[in-house]
Amino acid sequence: MLGDFVDTAPDQKTELDYLRIIQKAYARFAGKRYLVLGNHDLMKFAKAEFLENCGINVPNTYYSFSAGGCHFVILDANFRQDGEPYASGNFKWRDTFIPPFQLEWLREDLRNAGDKKTLVFVHQNLYDELNDYCVKNAHEVRAVLEESAKVLAVFQGHEHRGGYRNINGIHYLTLKALVDGASLENNAYSVVSISVDNRIRVEGFGKQQGLDLI
């Protein structure tokens, strides 16, 4: 999940009911499940509250793991520019930031990833700081990713229409949203595969187009 597990309910009790419904459906997936935190997830919850109730066992709001010969990094851009974490609607969605302590963690994590090629996942976008949907210090994050020379691609959500950029050899792919219209014809999801020569294939379904990233 690339964030926004839930939308915005009128109160926390209703939001918790929504979360349990979605959690029940997602739990039917037989593989391992990981979570990226989105801004809507924090309209009625603090981060710890959301993680406690989302039904997915992750160690933190930002973390990493390795599998299948690759390294995977999950970032949390749900901070205001003053460094305050999002909690129970104390933010404006355009004010999104990755604080220095998380950047230092990212730099160290990439350093310790050895020679594994890396994929990064984040809710808000990292391709253009002037765009409303982007992290306001995205250039600092990109600099860390580029410095490592290990990152193949960044997968993002947040901007419902989707999008794609290649910046200094790193693919930045924004996947289309699942929430723009009810019923199956408005579905949008993808399956991503990585070849031994680092080619990334995005098999799109519904409104998500397929892509071959070389």
N, C-alpha and C. Protein backbone atom coordinates (compact mmCIF):
# COMPACT_ATOMS: atom_id res chain seq x y z
N MET A 1 0.84 -1.19 0.00
CA MET A 1 0.00 0.00 0.00
C MET A 1 0.88 1.25 0.00
N LEU A 2 0.53 2.22 -0.84
CA LEU A 2 1.31 3.45 -0.94
C LEU A 2 0.70 4.61 -0.16
N GLY A 3 -0.06 4.28 0.88
CA GLY A 3 -0.62 5.31 1.74
C GLY A 3 -2.09 5.56 1.50
N ASP A 4 -2.71 6.29 2.44
CA ASP A 4 -4.14 6.56 2.43
C ASP A 4 -4.94 5.26 2.45
N PHE A 5 -4.67 4.47 3.45
CA PHE A 5 -5.42 3.23 3.70
C PHE A 5 -6.88 3.55 3.92
N VAL A 6 -7.15 4.71 4.54
CA VAL A 6 -8.51 5.20 4.74
C VAL A 6 -8.60 6.63 4.21
N ASP A 7 -9.83 7.12 4.08
CA ASP A 7 -10.07 8.51 3.68
C ASP A 7 -10.33 9.31 4.96
N THR A 8 -11.23 10.25 4.93
CA THR A 8 -11.49 11.09 6.08
C THR A 8 -12.91 10.89 6.57
N ALA A 9 -13.06 10.35 7.78
CA ALA A 9 -14.37 10.14 8.39
C ALA A 9 -14.72 11.33 9.29
N PRO A 10 -15.99 11.47 9.68
CA PRO A 10 -16.37 12.60 10.53
C PRO A 10 -15.81 12.53 11.95
N ASP A 11 -15.45 11.32 12.42
CA ASP A 11 -14.91 11.18 13.77
C ASP A 11 -14.04 9.93 13.82
N GLN A 12 -13.28 9.80 14.90
CA GLN A 12 -12.32 8.70 14.99
C GLN A 12 -13.00 7.34 15.06
N LYS A 13 -14.13 7.24 15.73
CA LYS A 13 -14.83 5.96 15.83
C LYS A 13 -15.24 5.46 14.44
N THR A 14 -15.79 6.35 13.62
CA THR A 14 -16.19 5.96 12.27
C THR A 14 -14.97 5.60 11.43
N GLU A 15 -13.90 6.37 11.59
CA GLU A 15 -12.66 6.07 10.86
C GLU A 15 -12.12 4.69 11.24
N LEU A 16 -12.22 4.36 12.52
CA LEU A 16 -11.76 3.05 12.98
C LEU A 16 -12.61 1.94 12.38
N ASP A 17 -13.91 2.18 12.25
CA ASP A 17 -14.80 1.20 11.60
C ASP A 17 -14.39 0.99 10.15
N TYR A 18 -14.10 2.11 9.44
CA TYR A 18 -13.64 2.02 8.05
C TYR A 18 -12.34 1.23 7.95
N LEU A 19 -11.44 1.54 8.87
CA LEU A 19 -10.13 0.89 8.87
C LEU A 19 -10.27 -0.62 9.04
N ARG A 20 -11.15 -1.04 9.90
CA ARG A 20 -11.36 -2.47 10.13
C ARG A 20 -11.94 -3.16 8.90
N ILE A 21 -12.84 -2.48 8.18
CA ILE A 21 -13.41 -3.04 6.96
C ILE A 21 -12.32 -3.24 5.90
N ILE A 22 -11.50 -2.22 5.70
CA ILE A 22 -10.43 -2.29 4.70
C ILE A 22 -9.38 -3.30 5.11
N GLN A 23 -9.04 -3.29 6.39
CA GLN A 23 -8.06 -4.23 6.93
C GLN A 23 -8.49 -5.67 6.70
N LYS A 24 -9.77 -5.95 6.87
CA LYS A 24 -10.30 -7.30 6.67
C LYS A 24 -10.12 -7.76 5.23
N ALA A 25 -10.36 -6.84 4.28
CA ALA A 25 -10.19 -7.18 2.86
C ALA A 25 -8.71 -7.38 2.53
N TYR A 26 -7.87 -6.50 3.02
CA TYR A 26 -6.43 -6.58 2.72
C TYR A 26 -5.80 -7.82 3.33
N ALA A 27 -6.32 -8.26 4.46
CA ALA A 27 -5.79 -9.44 5.14
C ALA A 27 -5.97 -10.72 4.32
N ARG A 28 -6.83 -10.68 3.31
CA ARG A 28 -7.04 -11.86 2.46
C ARG A 28 -5.85 -12.11 1.54
N PHE A 29 -4.98 -11.11 1.38
CA PHE A 29 -3.78 -11.30 0.57
C PHE A 29 -2.84 -12.26 1.30
N ALA A 30 -2.39 -13.30 0.60
CA ALA A 30 -1.65 -14.38 1.25
C ALA A 30 -0.18 -14.05 1.50
N GLY A 31 0.36 -13.06 0.81
CA GLY A 31 1.78 -12.75 0.97
C GLY A 31 2.04 -11.78 2.11
N LYS A 32 3.30 -11.36 2.21
CA LYS A 32 3.65 -10.38 3.24
C LYS A 32 3.07 -9.02 2.87
N ARG A 33 2.65 -8.29 3.88
CA ARG A 33 2.01 -6.99 3.66
C ARG A 33 2.84 -5.90 4.34
N TYR A 34 3.05 -4.81 3.62
CA TYR A 34 3.80 -3.67 4.14
C TYR A 34 2.96 -2.41 3.95
N LEU A 35 3.29 -1.39 4.71
CA LEU A 35 2.46 -0.19 4.73
C LEU A 35 3.29 1.06 4.56
N VAL A 36 2.83 1.95 3.67
CA VAL A 36 3.34 3.31 3.58
C VAL A 36 2.28 4.23 4.17
N LEU A 37 2.68 5.13 5.02
CA LEU A 37 1.73 6.01 5.70
C LEU A 37 1.38 7.19 4.80
N GLY A 38 0.07 7.49 4.69
CA GLY A 38 -0.40 8.62 3.90
C GLY A 38 -1.04 9.70 4.76
N ASN A 39 -1.25 10.87 4.20
CA ASN A 39 -1.80 11.97 4.98
C ASN A 39 -3.22 11.70 5.46
N HIS A 40 -4.06 11.05 4.64
CA HIS A 40 -5.43 10.77 5.07
C HIS A 40 -5.48 9.80 6.25
N ASP A 41 -4.47 8.95 6.36
CA ASP A 41 -4.42 8.01 7.48
C ASP A 41 -4.33 8.73 8.82
N LEU A 42 -3.91 9.99 8.78
CA LEU A 42 -3.61 10.73 10.01
C LEU A 42 -4.57 11.89 10.26
N MET A 43 -5.72 11.85 9.58
CA MET A 43 -6.72 12.89 9.83
C MET A 43 -7.41 12.70 11.18
N LYS A 44 -7.53 11.45 11.63
CA LYS A 44 -8.19 11.17 12.91
C LYS A 44 -7.30 10.43 13.89
N PHE A 45 -6.08 10.08 13.48
CA PHE A 45 -5.18 9.30 14.33
C PHE A 45 -3.82 9.96 14.42
N ALA A 46 -3.15 9.75 15.56
CA ALA A 46 -1.71 9.95 15.62
C ALA A 46 -1.06 8.73 14.96
N LYS A 47 0.22 8.83 14.62
CA LYS A 47 0.87 7.75 13.89
C LYS A 47 0.85 6.43 14.66
N ALA A 48 1.18 6.48 15.94
CA ALA A 48 1.20 5.26 16.75
C ALA A 48 -0.19 4.64 16.83
N GLU A 49 -1.22 5.47 16.91
CA GLU A 49 -2.60 4.96 16.97
C GLU A 49 -2.96 4.26 15.66
N PHE A 50 -2.58 4.87 14.56
CA PHE A 50 -2.91 4.26 13.28
C PHE A 50 -2.22 2.92 13.12
N LEU A 51 -0.92 2.87 13.40
CA LEU A 51 -0.19 1.61 13.27
C LEU A 51 -0.76 0.53 14.17
N GLU A 52 -1.18 0.92 15.36
CA GLU A 52 -1.74 -0.05 16.31
C GLU A 52 -3.02 -0.68 15.78
N ASN A 53 -3.77 0.08 14.98
CA ASN A 53 -5.08 -0.38 14.53
C ASN A 53 -5.14 -0.83 13.07
N CYS A 54 -4.03 -0.70 12.32
CA CYS A 54 -4.12 -0.97 10.88
C CYS A 54 -4.00 -2.45 10.55
N GLY A 55 -3.57 -3.28 11.51
CA GLY A 55 -3.52 -4.72 11.27
C GLY A 55 -2.31 -5.18 10.49
N ILE A 56 -1.33 -4.29 10.28
CA ILE A 56 -0.10 -4.64 9.56
C ILE A 56 1.07 -4.41 10.50
N ASN A 57 1.87 -5.42 10.71
CA ASN A 57 2.95 -5.35 11.68
C ASN A 57 4.20 -4.75 11.03
N VAL A 58 4.39 -3.45 11.19
CA VAL A 58 5.59 -2.79 10.69
C VAL A 58 6.32 -2.15 11.88
N PRO A 59 7.66 -2.04 11.80
CA PRO A 59 8.42 -1.60 12.97
C PRO A 59 8.34 -0.11 13.25
N ASN A 60 7.98 0.69 12.24
CA ASN A 60 8.02 2.14 12.39
C ASN A 60 7.26 2.74 11.22
N THR A 61 7.15 4.06 11.18
CA THR A 61 6.52 4.71 10.03
C THR A 61 7.50 4.83 8.86
N TYR A 62 8.79 4.68 9.11
CA TYR A 62 9.80 4.54 8.05
C TYR A 62 10.70 3.38 8.45
N TYR A 63 11.04 2.54 7.46
CA TYR A 63 11.76 1.31 7.76
C TYR A 63 12.28 0.72 6.46
N SER A 64 13.00 -0.39 6.55
CA SER A 64 13.51 -1.05 5.35
C SER A 64 13.58 -2.54 5.57
N PHE A 65 13.71 -3.28 4.48
CA PHE A 65 13.89 -4.73 4.54
C PHE A 65 14.50 -5.18 3.21
N SER A 66 15.08 -6.35 3.21
CA SER A 66 15.64 -6.91 1.99
C SER A 66 14.93 -8.22 1.67
N ALA A 67 14.73 -8.47 0.38
CA ALA A 67 14.07 -9.70 -0.06
C ALA A 67 14.37 -9.90 -1.54
N GLY A 68 14.53 -11.16 -1.94
CA GLY A 68 14.73 -11.49 -3.35
C GLY A 68 15.92 -10.81 -3.98
N GLY A 69 16.95 -10.53 -3.21
CA GLY A 69 18.14 -9.89 -3.75
C GLY A 69 18.06 -8.39 -3.88
N CYS A 70 16.93 -7.79 -3.49
CA CYS A 70 16.75 -6.33 -3.54
C CYS A 70 16.56 -5.77 -2.14
N HIS A 71 16.75 -4.47 -2.03
CA HIS A 71 16.52 -3.76 -0.78
C HIS A 71 15.33 -2.83 -0.97
N PHE A 72 14.48 -2.75 0.03
CA PHE A 72 13.25 -1.96 -0.05
C PHE A 72 13.23 -0.95 1.10
N VAL A 73 12.96 0.30 0.76
CA VAL A 73 12.94 1.38 1.76
C VAL A 73 11.58 2.05 1.74
N ILE A 74 10.98 2.20 2.92
CA ILE A 74 9.70 2.90 3.07
C ILE A 74 9.96 4.18 3.82
N LEU A 75 9.57 5.32 3.24
CA LEU A 75 9.78 6.62 3.85
C LEU A 75 8.46 7.20 4.37
N ASP A 76 8.58 8.10 5.33
CA ASP A 76 7.42 8.78 5.92
C ASP A 76 7.60 10.28 5.73
N ALA A 77 6.83 10.87 4.81
CA ALA A 77 6.89 12.31 4.56
C ALA A 77 5.78 13.06 5.27
N ASN A 78 5.16 12.42 6.25
CA ASN A 78 4.04 13.03 6.96
C ASN A 78 4.53 13.84 8.17
N PHE A 79 5.30 14.88 7.82
CA PHE A 79 5.79 15.85 8.79
C PHE A 79 5.57 17.24 8.21
N ARG A 80 5.26 18.20 9.08
CA ARG A 80 5.20 19.59 8.65
C ARG A 80 6.62 20.13 8.50
N GLN A 81 6.75 21.25 7.82
CA GLN A 81 8.08 21.83 7.63
C GLN A 81 8.70 22.31 8.93
N ASP A 82 7.90 22.52 9.96
CA ASP A 82 8.45 22.89 11.27
C ASP A 82 8.91 21.65 12.04
N GLY A 83 8.82 20.47 11.42
CA GLY A 83 9.29 19.23 12.05
C GLY A 83 8.24 18.48 12.83
N GLU A 84 7.07 19.06 12.99
CA GLU A 84 6.01 18.41 13.78
C GLU A 84 5.39 17.27 12.96
N PRO A 85 5.26 16.08 13.56
CA PRO A 85 4.63 14.97 12.82
C PRO A 85 3.13 15.19 12.66
N TYR A 86 2.60 14.74 11.54
CA TYR A 86 1.15 14.77 11.36
C TYR A 86 0.48 13.96 12.47
N ALA A 87 -0.63 14.48 12.98
CA ALA A 87 -1.40 13.76 13.99
C ALA A 87 -2.79 14.36 14.09
N SER A 88 -3.79 13.52 13.88
CA SER A 88 -5.19 13.91 14.09
C SER A 88 -5.55 15.23 13.41
N GLY A 89 -5.10 15.39 12.17
CA GLY A 89 -5.50 16.53 11.36
C GLY A 89 -4.80 17.84 11.67
N ASN A 90 -3.63 17.81 12.32
CA ASN A 90 -2.93 19.04 12.71
C ASN A 90 -2.06 19.59 11.57
N PHE A 91 -2.46 19.37 10.32
CA PHE A 91 -1.60 19.70 9.18
C PHE A 91 -2.43 20.14 7.99
N LYS A 92 -1.76 20.76 7.03
CA LYS A 92 -2.32 21.02 5.71
C LYS A 92 -1.60 20.10 4.73
N TRP A 93 -2.33 19.48 3.83
CA TRP A 93 -1.77 18.41 3.02
C TRP A 93 -0.62 18.86 2.11
N ARG A 94 -0.54 20.14 1.81
CA ARG A 94 0.55 20.63 0.97
C ARG A 94 1.85 20.80 1.76
N ASP A 95 1.75 20.84 3.07
CA ASP A 95 2.91 21.04 3.94
C ASP A 95 3.47 19.67 4.32
N THR A 96 4.39 19.16 3.51
CA THR A 96 4.92 17.81 3.71
C THR A 96 6.44 17.85 3.62
N PHE A 97 7.11 17.08 4.49
CA PHE A 97 8.54 17.27 4.71
C PHE A 97 9.14 15.98 5.26
N ILE A 98 10.37 15.68 4.88
CA ILE A 98 11.12 14.57 5.48
C ILE A 98 12.22 15.18 6.34
N PRO A 99 12.13 15.04 7.66
CA PRO A 99 13.04 15.75 8.56
C PRO A 99 14.47 15.21 8.53
N PRO A 100 15.42 16.02 9.03
CA PRO A 100 16.84 15.64 8.97
C PRO A 100 17.15 14.28 9.59
N PHE A 101 16.52 13.95 10.71
CA PHE A 101 16.85 12.67 11.35
C PHE A 101 16.47 11.48 10.46
N GLN A 102 15.40 11.62 9.67
CA GLN A 102 15.02 10.54 8.77
C GLN A 102 15.96 10.48 7.56
N LEU A 103 16.41 11.64 7.11
CA LEU A 103 17.38 11.67 6.01
C LEU A 103 18.69 11.00 6.42
N GLU A 104 19.12 11.24 7.66
CA GLU A 104 20.34 10.61 8.15
C GLU A 104 20.16 9.09 8.26
N TRP A 105 18.97 8.68 8.73
CA TRP A 105 18.66 7.25 8.78
C TRP A 105 18.71 6.65 7.38
N LEU A 106 18.13 7.36 6.40
CA LEU A 106 18.10 6.88 5.02
C LEU A 106 19.51 6.73 4.47
N ARG A 107 20.35 7.72 4.70
CA ARG A 107 21.73 7.66 4.22
C ARG A 107 22.46 6.45 4.79
N GLU A 108 22.28 6.22 6.10
CA GLU A 108 22.94 5.09 6.76
C GLU A 108 22.36 3.77 6.28
N ASP A 109 21.05 3.71 6.10
CA ASP A 109 20.41 2.48 5.64
C ASP A 109 20.90 2.09 4.26
N LEU A 110 21.01 3.05 3.36
CA LEU A 110 21.49 2.77 2.01
C LEU A 110 22.96 2.35 2.04
N ARG A 111 23.73 2.96 2.92
CA ARG A 111 25.14 2.59 3.06
C ARG A 111 25.27 1.13 3.49
N ASN A 112 24.36 0.69 4.36
CA ASN A 112 24.42 -0.67 4.90
C ASN A 112 23.75 -1.71 4.01
N ALA A 113 23.18 -1.29 2.89
CA ALA A 113 22.45 -2.21 2.01
C ALA A 113 23.38 -3.04 1.13
N GLY A 114 24.68 -2.81 1.24
CA GLY A 114 25.63 -3.57 0.43
C GLY A 114 25.46 -3.24 -1.04
N ASP A 115 25.52 -4.26 -1.88
CA ASP A 115 25.40 -4.04 -3.32
C ASP A 115 23.99 -4.31 -3.84
N LYS A 116 23.02 -4.40 -2.91
CA LYS A 116 21.63 -4.67 -3.33
C LYS A 116 21.03 -3.45 -4.02
N LYS A 117 20.41 -3.68 -5.16
CA LYS A 117 19.65 -2.63 -5.80
C LYS A 117 18.42 -2.32 -4.97
N THR A 118 18.04 -1.04 -4.94
CA THR A 118 17.05 -0.56 -3.97
C THR A 118 15.84 0.06 -4.65
N LEU A 119 14.67 -0.22 -4.07
CA LEU A 119 13.42 0.42 -4.46
C LEU A 119 12.90 1.19 -3.25
N VAL A 120 12.41 2.41 -3.49
CA VAL A 120 11.93 3.28 -2.43
C VAL A 120 10.43 3.50 -2.60
N PHE A 121 9.71 3.54 -1.48
CA PHE A 121 8.27 3.74 -1.49
C PHE A 121 7.93 4.89 -0.54
N VAL A 122 7.11 5.83 -1.00
CA VAL A 122 6.73 6.98 -0.20
C VAL A 122 5.37 7.46 -0.71
N HIS A 123 4.57 8.04 0.16
CA HIS A 123 3.24 8.49 -0.26
C HIS A 123 3.32 9.76 -1.10
N GLN A 124 3.87 10.83 -0.55
CA GLN A 124 3.98 12.08 -1.27
C GLN A 124 5.14 12.01 -2.27
N ASN A 125 5.10 12.88 -3.27
CA ASN A 125 6.02 12.76 -4.40
C ASN A 125 7.38 13.42 -4.14
N LEU A 126 8.40 12.92 -4.85
CA LEU A 126 9.76 13.42 -4.69
C LEU A 126 10.33 14.03 -5.96
N TYR A 127 9.49 14.34 -6.95
CA TYR A 127 10.04 14.74 -8.24
C TYR A 127 10.10 16.23 -8.49
N ASP A 128 9.34 17.06 -7.78
CA ASP A 128 9.29 18.49 -8.11
C ASP A 128 8.74 19.26 -6.92
N GLU A 129 9.60 20.01 -6.24
CA GLU A 129 9.19 20.71 -5.02
C GLU A 129 8.14 21.79 -5.26
N LEU A 130 8.00 22.24 -6.50
CA LEU A 130 7.04 23.30 -6.80
C LEU A 130 5.63 22.75 -6.99
N ASN A 131 5.50 21.43 -7.08
CA ASN A 131 4.20 20.80 -7.23
C ASN A 131 3.56 20.64 -5.86
N ASP A 132 2.26 20.90 -5.75
CA ASP A 132 1.56 20.80 -4.47
C ASP A 132 1.67 19.42 -3.84
N TYR A 133 1.82 18.39 -4.66
CA TYR A 133 1.81 17.02 -4.16
C TYR A 133 3.19 16.55 -3.69
N CYS A 134 4.18 17.41 -3.78
CA CYS A 134 5.55 16.98 -3.53
C CYS A 134 6.08 17.38 -2.16
N VAL A 135 7.02 16.60 -1.69
CA VAL A 135 7.73 16.88 -0.44
C VAL A 135 8.55 18.15 -0.62
N LYS A 136 8.45 19.06 0.33
CA LYS A 136 9.06 20.38 0.15
C LYS A 136 10.58 20.36 0.17
N ASN A 137 11.19 19.34 0.74
CA ASN A 137 12.65 19.21 0.65
C ASN A 137 13.03 17.98 -0.19
N ALA A 138 12.25 17.76 -1.25
CA ALA A 138 12.48 16.59 -2.11
C ALA A 138 13.88 16.59 -2.70
N HIS A 139 14.45 17.76 -2.98
CA HIS A 139 15.79 17.81 -3.56
C HIS A 139 16.83 17.21 -2.61
N GLU A 140 16.62 17.38 -1.30
CA GLU A 140 17.54 16.79 -0.32
C GLU A 140 17.41 15.27 -0.30
N VAL A 141 16.19 14.79 -0.43
CA VAL A 141 15.96 13.34 -0.45
C VAL A 141 16.57 12.74 -1.71
N ARG A 142 16.33 13.39 -2.85
CA ARG A 142 16.90 12.89 -4.12
C ARG A 142 18.42 12.84 -4.06
N ALA A 143 19.01 13.84 -3.42
CA ALA A 143 20.48 13.87 -3.32
C ALA A 143 21.00 12.65 -2.57
N VAL A 144 20.31 12.25 -1.51
CA VAL A 144 20.72 11.06 -0.75
C VAL A 144 20.56 9.81 -1.60
N LEU A 145 19.45 9.71 -2.33
CA LEU A 145 19.21 8.55 -3.18
C LEU A 145 20.28 8.45 -4.28
N GLU A 146 20.59 9.58 -4.90
CA GLU A 146 21.56 9.59 -5.99
C GLU A 146 22.97 9.29 -5.48
N GLU A 147 23.28 9.82 -4.31
CA GLU A 147 24.60 9.60 -3.71
C GLU A 147 24.89 8.12 -3.49
N SER A 148 23.86 7.35 -3.18
CA SER A 148 24.04 5.93 -2.89
C SER A 148 24.38 5.12 -4.14
N ALA A 149 23.93 5.58 -5.30
CA ALA A 149 24.11 4.87 -6.57
C ALA A 149 23.51 3.46 -6.53
N LYS A 150 22.47 3.27 -5.70
CA LYS A 150 21.84 1.96 -5.57
C LYS A 150 20.36 1.97 -5.91
N VAL A 151 19.76 3.15 -5.98
CA VAL A 151 18.30 3.25 -6.11
C VAL A 151 17.89 3.16 -7.58
N LEU A 152 17.07 2.17 -7.88
CA LEU A 152 16.54 2.01 -9.23
C LEU A 152 15.30 2.87 -9.46
N ALA A 153 14.39 2.88 -8.47
CA ALA A 153 13.10 3.54 -8.68
C ALA A 153 12.47 3.94 -7.36
N VAL A 154 11.61 4.95 -7.46
CA VAL A 154 10.80 5.41 -6.33
C VAL A 154 9.34 5.27 -6.74
N PHE A 155 8.55 4.58 -5.91
CA PHE A 155 7.11 4.41 -6.16
C PHE A 155 6.35 5.31 -5.21
N GLN A 156 5.39 6.08 -5.76
CA GLN A 156 4.70 7.12 -5.01
C GLN A 156 3.19 7.03 -5.22
N GLY A 157 2.44 7.67 -4.34
CA GLY A 157 0.99 7.78 -4.48
C GLY A 157 0.59 9.24 -4.47
N HIS A 158 -0.48 9.55 -3.74
CA HIS A 158 -0.88 10.93 -3.39
C HIS A 158 -1.50 11.71 -4.54
N GLU A 159 -0.81 11.82 -5.68
CA GLU A 159 -1.37 12.54 -6.82
C GLU A 159 -2.20 11.56 -7.64
N HIS A 160 -3.53 11.68 -7.56
CA HIS A 160 -4.43 10.65 -8.04
C HIS A 160 -4.29 10.33 -9.53
N ARG A 161 -3.91 11.30 -10.32
CA ARG A 161 -3.83 11.07 -11.78
C ARG A 161 -2.59 10.28 -12.17
N GLY A 162 -1.65 10.12 -11.25
CA GLY A 162 -0.42 9.39 -11.54
C GLY A 162 0.58 10.25 -12.29
N GLY A 163 1.73 9.65 -12.62
CA GLY A 163 2.75 10.39 -13.35
C GLY A 163 4.08 9.67 -13.34
N TYR A 164 5.02 10.20 -14.11
CA TYR A 164 6.33 9.56 -14.21
C TYR A 164 7.39 10.60 -14.54
N ARG A 165 8.54 10.49 -13.88
CA ARG A 165 9.73 11.28 -14.21
C ARG A 165 10.96 10.38 -14.07
N ASN A 166 11.99 10.68 -14.85
CA ASN A 166 13.30 10.08 -14.64
C ASN A 166 14.24 11.23 -14.32
N ILE A 167 14.82 11.20 -13.12
CA ILE A 167 15.71 12.26 -12.68
C ILE A 167 17.07 11.64 -12.35
N ASN A 168 18.06 12.01 -13.13
CA ASN A 168 19.43 11.52 -12.92
C ASN A 168 19.50 10.00 -12.80
N GLY A 169 18.73 9.33 -13.67
CA GLY A 169 18.80 7.88 -13.75
C GLY A 169 17.92 7.12 -12.80
N ILE A 170 17.16 7.82 -11.96
CA ILE A 170 16.23 7.15 -11.03
C ILE A 170 14.80 7.36 -11.54
N HIS A 171 14.04 6.27 -11.63
CA HIS A 171 12.64 6.35 -12.05
C HIS A 171 11.77 6.78 -10.87
N TYR A 172 10.91 7.78 -11.10
CA TYR A 172 9.94 8.23 -10.10
C TYR A 172 8.55 7.99 -10.68
N LEU A 173 7.89 6.94 -10.20
CA LEU A 173 6.60 6.55 -10.75
C LEU A 173 5.50 6.79 -9.71
N THR A 174 4.53 7.62 -10.07
CA THR A 174 3.37 7.87 -9.23
C THR A 174 2.22 7.01 -9.75
N LEU A 175 1.77 6.08 -8.93
CA LEU A 175 0.69 5.18 -9.34
C LEU A 175 -0.67 5.86 -9.19
N LYS A 176 -1.58 5.54 -10.07
CA LYS A 176 -2.92 6.13 -10.04
C LYS A 176 -3.68 5.67 -8.81
N ALA A 177 -4.60 6.51 -8.36
CA ALA A 177 -5.35 6.24 -7.13
C ALA A 177 -6.45 5.21 -7.35
N LEU A 178 -6.77 4.51 -6.27
CA LEU A 178 -7.86 3.53 -6.29
C LEU A 178 -9.21 4.17 -6.02
N VAL A 179 -9.22 5.44 -5.60
CA VAL A 179 -10.43 6.00 -4.99
C VAL A 179 -11.23 6.93 -5.90
N ASP A 180 -10.80 7.12 -7.14
CA ASP A 180 -11.50 8.06 -8.02
C ASP A 180 -12.65 7.38 -8.74
N GLY A 181 -13.73 7.19 -8.02
CA GLY A 181 -14.92 6.56 -8.58
C GLY A 181 -15.14 5.16 -8.05
N ALA A 182 -16.39 4.83 -7.84
CA ALA A 182 -16.72 3.50 -7.32
C ALA A 182 -16.73 2.47 -8.45
N SER A 183 -16.78 1.21 -8.05
CA SER A 183 -16.93 0.04 -8.92
C SER A 183 -15.64 -0.31 -9.65
N LEU A 184 -15.64 -1.50 -10.24
CA LEU A 184 -14.43 -2.09 -10.80
C LEU A 184 -13.85 -1.32 -11.98
N GLU A 185 -14.69 -0.61 -12.74
CA GLU A 185 -14.14 0.09 -13.91
C GLU A 185 -13.21 1.24 -13.49
N ASN A 186 -13.25 1.64 -12.23
CA ASN A 186 -12.35 2.69 -11.74
C ASN A 186 -11.18 2.13 -10.95
N ASN A 187 -11.00 0.83 -11.01
CA ASN A 187 -9.89 0.20 -10.30
C ASN A 187 -8.56 0.61 -10.92
N ALA A 188 -7.49 0.56 -10.15
CA ALA A 188 -6.16 0.89 -10.65
C ALA A 188 -5.13 0.23 -9.74
N TYR A 189 -4.41 -0.73 -10.27
CA TYR A 189 -3.37 -1.38 -9.48
C TYR A 189 -2.34 -1.97 -10.44
N SER A 190 -1.24 -2.48 -9.91
CA SER A 190 -0.19 -2.99 -10.78
C SER A 190 0.60 -4.08 -10.09
N VAL A 191 1.29 -4.87 -10.90
CA VAL A 191 2.25 -5.86 -10.44
C VAL A 191 3.60 -5.47 -11.03
N VAL A 192 4.61 -5.36 -10.16
CA VAL A 192 5.93 -4.90 -10.58
C VAL A 192 6.92 -6.05 -10.53
N SER A 193 7.69 -6.22 -11.58
CA SER A 193 8.74 -7.25 -11.60
C SER A 193 10.06 -6.61 -11.99
N ILE A 194 11.17 -7.17 -11.47
CA ILE A 194 12.51 -6.64 -11.73
C ILE A 194 13.35 -7.77 -12.29
N SER A 195 13.97 -7.56 -13.43
CA SER A 195 14.81 -8.58 -14.05
C SER A 195 16.22 -8.54 -13.47
N VAL A 196 17.01 -9.54 -13.79
CA VAL A 196 18.38 -9.61 -13.27
C VAL A 196 19.25 -8.46 -13.80
N ASP A 197 18.87 -7.89 -14.94
CA ASP A 197 19.62 -6.75 -15.48
C ASP A 197 18.99 -5.41 -15.09
N ASN A 198 18.16 -5.44 -14.03
CA ASN A 198 17.59 -4.24 -13.41
C ASN A 198 16.52 -3.53 -14.25
N ARG A 199 15.96 -4.22 -15.20
CA ARG A 199 14.80 -3.67 -15.91
C ARG A 199 13.55 -3.85 -15.05
N ILE A 200 12.74 -2.82 -14.98
CA ILE A 200 11.53 -2.86 -14.16
C ILE A 200 10.32 -2.87 -15.08
N ARG A 201 9.48 -3.86 -14.88
CA ARG A 201 8.25 -3.96 -15.67
C ARG A 201 7.06 -3.73 -14.76
N VAL A 202 6.23 -2.75 -15.10
CA VAL A 202 5.01 -2.46 -14.37
C VAL A 202 3.84 -2.97 -15.20
N GLU A 203 3.21 -4.02 -14.73
CA GLU A 203 2.03 -4.55 -15.42
C GLU A 203 0.80 -3.88 -14.83
N GLY A 204 0.20 -2.99 -15.61
CA GLY A 204 -0.92 -2.20 -15.10
C GLY A 204 -2.26 -2.88 -15.31
N PHE A 205 -3.17 -2.63 -14.39
CA PHE A 205 -4.53 -3.16 -14.46
C PHE A 205 -5.51 -2.01 -14.23
N GLY A 206 -6.69 -2.13 -14.85
CA GLY A 206 -7.67 -1.05 -14.72
C GLY A 206 -7.13 0.23 -15.34
N LYS A 207 -7.19 1.31 -14.60
CA LYS A 207 -6.75 2.61 -15.11
C LYS A 207 -5.24 2.84 -14.98
N GLN A 208 -4.53 1.90 -14.36
CA GLN A 208 -3.08 2.03 -14.27
C GLN A 208 -2.43 1.46 -15.52
N GLN A 209 -1.72 2.30 -16.26
CA GLN A 209 -1.09 1.84 -17.49
C GLN A 209 0.17 1.05 -17.17
N GLY A 210 0.53 0.14 -18.07
CA GLY A 210 1.77 -0.61 -17.93
C GLY A 210 2.95 0.19 -18.44
N LEU A 211 4.13 -0.12 -17.88
CA LEU A 211 5.35 0.59 -18.26
C LEU A 211 6.54 -0.36 -18.20
N ASP A 212 7.49 -0.14 -19.08
CA ASP A 212 8.78 -0.82 -19.00
C ASP A 212 9.82 0.25 -18.73
N LEU A 213 10.44 0.16 -17.55
CA LEU A 213 11.42 1.17 -17.12
C LEU A 213 12.82 0.60 -17.29
N ILE A 214 13.61 1.22 -18.13
CA ILE A 214 14.94 0.73 -18.45
C ILE A 214 15.99 1.73 -17.94
